[in-house]
N, C-alpha and C. Protein backbone atom coordinates (compact mmCIF):
# COMPACT_ATOMS: atom_id res chain seq x y z
N MET A 1 37.22 58.25 -17.85
CA MET A 1 36.53 59.38 -17.25
C MET A 1 35.81 60.15 -18.38
N GLN A 2 34.58 60.52 -18.13
CA GLN A 2 33.81 61.28 -19.10
C GLN A 2 34.41 62.68 -19.28
N PRO A 3 34.24 63.28 -20.47
CA PRO A 3 34.84 64.61 -20.71
C PRO A 3 34.41 65.67 -19.69
N PHE A 4 33.12 65.72 -19.34
CA PHE A 4 32.68 66.72 -18.36
C PHE A 4 33.33 66.47 -17.00
N THR A 5 33.39 65.22 -16.59
CA THR A 5 34.02 64.87 -15.32
C THR A 5 35.48 65.30 -15.32
N ALA A 6 36.18 65.01 -16.39
CA ALA A 6 37.59 65.39 -16.49
C ALA A 6 37.75 66.91 -16.41
N GLU A 7 36.85 67.62 -17.04
CA GLU A 7 36.92 69.08 -17.01
C GLU A 7 36.63 69.63 -15.61
N VAL A 8 35.67 69.03 -14.92
CA VAL A 8 35.38 69.44 -13.54
C VAL A 8 36.60 69.19 -12.66
N VAL A 9 37.23 68.05 -12.81
CA VAL A 9 38.43 67.75 -12.02
C VAL A 9 39.51 68.79 -12.30
N ARG A 10 39.69 69.14 -13.57
CA ARG A 10 40.69 70.15 -13.94
C ARG A 10 40.36 71.50 -13.29
N VAL A 11 39.10 71.92 -13.40
CA VAL A 11 38.67 73.20 -12.82
C VAL A 11 38.89 73.21 -11.31
N LEU A 12 38.49 72.14 -10.65
CA LEU A 12 38.64 72.07 -9.20
C LEU A 12 40.10 72.16 -8.77
N LYS A 13 40.98 71.50 -9.49
CA LYS A 13 42.40 71.52 -9.14
C LYS A 13 43.02 72.91 -9.30
N GLU A 14 42.36 73.77 -10.08
CA GLU A 14 42.88 75.11 -10.30
C GLU A 14 42.35 76.15 -9.32
N ILE A 15 41.47 75.77 -8.41
CA ILE A 15 40.98 76.72 -7.42
C ILE A 15 42.12 77.03 -6.46
N PRO A 16 42.53 78.28 -6.41
CA PRO A 16 43.68 78.60 -5.56
C PRO A 16 43.35 78.58 -4.07
N GLU A 17 44.36 78.41 -3.27
CA GLU A 17 44.22 78.44 -1.82
C GLU A 17 43.63 79.78 -1.40
N GLY A 18 42.69 79.74 -0.46
CA GLY A 18 42.07 80.95 0.04
C GLY A 18 40.95 81.49 -0.82
N TYR A 19 40.57 80.73 -1.83
CA TYR A 19 39.53 81.15 -2.76
C TYR A 19 38.35 80.19 -2.65
N VAL A 20 37.14 80.69 -2.82
CA VAL A 20 35.94 79.86 -2.71
C VAL A 20 35.07 80.07 -3.95
N VAL A 21 34.53 78.98 -4.47
CA VAL A 21 33.60 79.02 -5.60
C VAL A 21 32.36 78.20 -5.24
N THR A 22 31.31 78.34 -6.05
CA THR A 22 30.09 77.56 -5.84
C THR A 22 30.08 76.37 -6.78
N TYR A 23 29.21 75.42 -6.47
CA TYR A 23 29.05 74.26 -7.34
C TYR A 23 28.65 74.71 -8.74
N GLY A 24 27.75 75.67 -8.81
CA GLY A 24 27.30 76.20 -10.10
C GLY A 24 28.41 76.87 -10.88
N GLN A 25 29.28 77.59 -10.20
CA GLN A 25 30.41 78.23 -10.88
C GLN A 25 31.34 77.18 -11.48
N VAL A 26 31.59 76.12 -10.73
CA VAL A 26 32.43 75.04 -11.25
C VAL A 26 31.79 74.43 -12.49
N ALA A 27 30.48 74.18 -12.41
CA ALA A 27 29.76 73.61 -13.57
C ALA A 27 29.89 74.52 -14.79
N ARG A 28 29.71 75.84 -14.59
CA ARG A 28 29.84 76.80 -15.69
C ARG A 28 31.24 76.79 -16.27
N MET A 29 32.24 76.82 -15.39
CA MET A 29 33.63 76.83 -15.87
C MET A 29 33.99 75.54 -16.60
N ALA A 30 33.28 74.47 -16.28
CA ALA A 30 33.54 73.18 -16.93
C ALA A 30 32.70 73.01 -18.19
N GLY A 31 31.87 74.01 -18.49
CA GLY A 31 31.14 73.99 -19.75
C GLY A 31 29.70 73.51 -19.69
N SER A 32 29.16 73.30 -18.52
CA SER A 32 27.78 72.83 -18.40
C SER A 32 27.10 73.56 -17.23
N PRO A 33 26.60 74.78 -17.49
CA PRO A 33 26.10 75.63 -16.42
C PRO A 33 24.96 75.06 -15.57
N ARG A 34 24.26 74.07 -16.06
CA ARG A 34 23.15 73.51 -15.30
C ARG A 34 23.52 72.21 -14.57
N ALA A 35 24.80 71.95 -14.42
CA ALA A 35 25.25 70.67 -13.88
C ALA A 35 25.84 70.77 -12.47
N ALA A 36 25.31 71.68 -11.66
CA ALA A 36 25.85 71.84 -10.30
C ALA A 36 25.74 70.55 -9.50
N ARG A 37 24.64 69.83 -9.67
CA ARG A 37 24.48 68.57 -8.92
C ARG A 37 25.50 67.52 -9.37
N GLN A 38 25.87 67.56 -10.64
CA GLN A 38 26.91 66.66 -11.12
C GLN A 38 28.24 66.99 -10.44
N VAL A 39 28.49 68.27 -10.25
CA VAL A 39 29.72 68.69 -9.56
C VAL A 39 29.74 68.13 -8.14
N VAL A 40 28.59 68.19 -7.47
CA VAL A 40 28.49 67.62 -6.12
C VAL A 40 28.85 66.14 -6.16
N ARG A 41 28.29 65.41 -7.12
CA ARG A 41 28.55 63.98 -7.24
C ARG A 41 30.04 63.72 -7.50
N ILE A 42 30.63 64.49 -8.39
CA ILE A 42 32.04 64.32 -8.71
C ILE A 42 32.91 64.59 -7.47
N LEU A 43 32.59 65.65 -6.76
CA LEU A 43 33.34 65.94 -5.52
C LEU A 43 33.20 64.80 -4.52
N HIS A 44 31.99 64.30 -4.39
CA HIS A 44 31.73 63.24 -3.41
C HIS A 44 32.50 61.95 -3.75
N THR A 45 32.55 61.62 -5.03
CA THR A 45 33.15 60.34 -5.42
C THR A 45 34.63 60.41 -5.78
N MET A 46 35.15 61.59 -6.11
CA MET A 46 36.51 61.67 -6.64
C MET A 46 37.47 62.56 -5.86
N SER A 47 37.00 63.22 -4.82
CA SER A 47 37.88 64.15 -4.10
C SER A 47 39.13 63.49 -3.56
N GLU A 48 38.96 62.37 -2.92
CA GLU A 48 40.11 61.70 -2.32
C GLU A 48 41.04 61.14 -3.40
N LYS A 49 40.47 60.46 -4.37
CA LYS A 49 41.26 59.81 -5.43
C LYS A 49 42.11 60.82 -6.21
N HIS A 50 41.55 62.00 -6.47
CA HIS A 50 42.24 63.00 -7.29
C HIS A 50 42.77 64.18 -6.48
N ALA A 51 42.76 64.07 -5.16
CA ALA A 51 43.25 65.13 -4.26
C ALA A 51 42.63 66.48 -4.62
N LEU A 52 41.29 66.50 -4.71
CA LEU A 52 40.58 67.72 -5.08
C LEU A 52 40.37 68.60 -3.85
N PRO A 53 40.47 69.91 -4.03
CA PRO A 53 40.24 70.83 -2.91
C PRO A 53 38.74 71.02 -2.66
N TRP A 54 38.08 69.98 -2.23
CA TRP A 54 36.64 69.95 -2.04
C TRP A 54 36.16 71.04 -1.09
N HIS A 55 37.01 71.39 -0.14
CA HIS A 55 36.62 72.37 0.88
C HIS A 55 36.45 73.77 0.32
N ARG A 56 36.91 74.03 -0.89
CA ARG A 56 36.81 75.36 -1.49
C ARG A 56 35.53 75.56 -2.29
N VAL A 57 34.61 74.62 -2.19
CA VAL A 57 33.35 74.70 -2.93
C VAL A 57 32.19 74.74 -1.94
N VAL A 58 31.33 75.75 -2.12
CA VAL A 58 30.15 75.94 -1.25
C VAL A 58 28.91 76.09 -2.13
N ASN A 59 27.75 76.17 -1.50
CA ASN A 59 26.53 76.35 -2.30
C ASN A 59 26.36 77.82 -2.69
N VAL A 60 25.36 78.08 -3.48
CA VAL A 60 25.14 79.41 -4.06
C VAL A 60 24.89 80.49 -2.99
N ARG A 61 24.49 80.10 -1.81
CA ARG A 61 24.26 81.05 -0.72
C ARG A 61 25.53 81.26 0.13
N GLY A 62 26.61 80.60 -0.24
CA GLY A 62 27.85 80.73 0.52
C GLY A 62 27.90 79.82 1.72
N GLU A 63 26.98 78.86 1.78
CA GLU A 63 26.90 77.94 2.91
C GLU A 63 27.69 76.67 2.64
N ILE A 64 28.26 76.13 3.68
CA ILE A 64 28.85 74.80 3.60
C ILE A 64 27.70 73.82 3.51
N ALA A 65 27.70 73.01 2.47
CA ALA A 65 26.55 72.14 2.21
C ALA A 65 26.81 70.67 2.51
N VAL A 66 27.91 70.38 3.14
CA VAL A 66 28.23 69.00 3.49
C VAL A 66 27.23 68.54 4.55
N PRO A 67 26.63 67.36 4.37
CA PRO A 67 25.54 66.96 5.26
C PRO A 67 25.92 66.61 6.69
N ASP A 68 27.08 66.03 6.93
CA ASP A 68 27.36 65.62 8.31
C ASP A 68 28.18 66.66 9.06
N ASP A 69 27.93 66.75 10.36
CA ASP A 69 28.54 67.78 11.20
C ASP A 69 30.07 67.75 11.20
N GLU A 70 30.63 66.56 11.27
CA GLU A 70 32.09 66.43 11.33
C GLU A 70 32.75 66.98 10.07
N SER A 71 32.23 66.60 8.90
CA SER A 71 32.79 67.09 7.64
C SER A 71 32.55 68.58 7.46
N ARG A 72 31.40 69.06 7.91
CA ARG A 72 31.08 70.49 7.82
C ARG A 72 32.08 71.30 8.65
N GLU A 73 32.38 70.82 9.85
CA GLU A 73 33.34 71.52 10.71
C GLU A 73 34.75 71.44 10.11
N LEU A 74 35.10 70.30 9.52
CA LEU A 74 36.41 70.16 8.86
C LEU A 74 36.52 71.16 7.71
N GLN A 75 35.47 71.29 6.90
CA GLN A 75 35.50 72.23 5.78
C GLN A 75 35.68 73.66 6.30
N ARG A 76 34.94 74.00 7.32
CA ARG A 76 35.05 75.34 7.90
C ARG A 76 36.48 75.59 8.42
N MET A 77 37.04 74.60 9.10
CA MET A 77 38.39 74.71 9.64
C MET A 77 39.43 74.87 8.51
N LEU A 78 39.28 74.07 7.45
CA LEU A 78 40.21 74.16 6.32
C LEU A 78 40.13 75.53 5.64
N LEU A 79 38.91 76.04 5.47
CA LEU A 79 38.75 77.36 4.85
C LEU A 79 39.34 78.45 5.75
N LYS A 80 39.10 78.37 7.04
CA LYS A 80 39.67 79.36 7.96
C LYS A 80 41.19 79.31 7.95
N SER A 81 41.75 78.11 7.79
CA SER A 81 43.22 77.99 7.75
C SER A 81 43.80 78.64 6.49
N GLU A 82 42.93 78.86 5.49
CA GLU A 82 43.34 79.56 4.26
C GLU A 82 42.91 81.02 4.29
N ASP A 83 42.53 81.50 5.48
CA ASP A 83 42.13 82.89 5.71
C ASP A 83 40.83 83.29 5.03
N VAL A 84 39.96 82.33 4.77
CA VAL A 84 38.62 82.64 4.27
C VAL A 84 37.80 83.13 5.45
N VAL A 85 37.16 84.28 5.29
CA VAL A 85 36.39 84.91 6.36
C VAL A 85 34.92 84.53 6.23
N PHE A 86 34.31 84.20 7.36
CA PHE A 86 32.89 83.87 7.40
C PHE A 86 32.10 85.04 7.97
N LEU A 87 30.89 85.22 7.47
CA LEU A 87 29.98 86.22 8.00
C LEU A 87 29.45 85.75 9.34
N GLU A 88 28.78 86.62 10.07
CA GLU A 88 28.24 86.27 11.38
C GLU A 88 27.27 85.09 11.32
N ASP A 89 26.55 84.96 10.20
CA ASP A 89 25.58 83.86 10.08
C ASP A 89 26.20 82.55 9.60
N GLY A 90 27.53 82.51 9.48
CA GLY A 90 28.23 81.28 9.12
C GLY A 90 28.46 81.07 7.64
N ARG A 91 28.00 82.01 6.81
CA ARG A 91 28.20 81.89 5.37
C ARG A 91 29.50 82.57 4.95
N VAL A 92 30.00 82.15 3.79
CA VAL A 92 31.14 82.82 3.17
C VAL A 92 30.57 83.97 2.36
N ASP A 93 31.17 85.13 2.45
CA ASP A 93 30.75 86.28 1.63
C ASP A 93 31.31 86.08 0.23
N LEU A 94 30.49 85.57 -0.67
CA LEU A 94 30.93 85.24 -2.02
C LEU A 94 31.29 86.47 -2.83
N SER A 95 30.79 87.65 -2.45
CA SER A 95 31.12 88.86 -3.21
C SER A 95 32.61 89.17 -3.14
N VAL A 96 33.28 88.69 -2.12
CA VAL A 96 34.72 88.87 -1.98
C VAL A 96 35.47 88.18 -3.13
N PHE A 97 34.87 87.13 -3.67
CA PHE A 97 35.55 86.31 -4.68
C PHE A 97 35.09 86.61 -6.11
N GLU A 98 34.20 87.58 -6.29
CA GLU A 98 33.73 87.93 -7.64
C GLU A 98 34.81 88.67 -8.37
N LYS A 99 34.89 88.39 -9.64
CA LYS A 99 35.91 89.06 -10.46
C LYS A 99 35.28 90.14 -11.27
């Protein structure tokens, strides 16, 4: 596994239940702030193998960015089960998670 990939996996595993981050935030925490698309690729290819909490990652607008309807609804359901609140327009209010 490449060093950046390993770092992304580590960062993802540390996202606590009920917390949401963006792809860009994960990239920054892993040391490569411009690698949000790499984070997407890593989530897509390694979530199952490494038991990554893929559902806790959204796009910069707080939207679920999974392309298919079934997975999008699953992500929404998983986040709601962790008490993540959605705005009326379906986005996650990311300001709730700012430190």
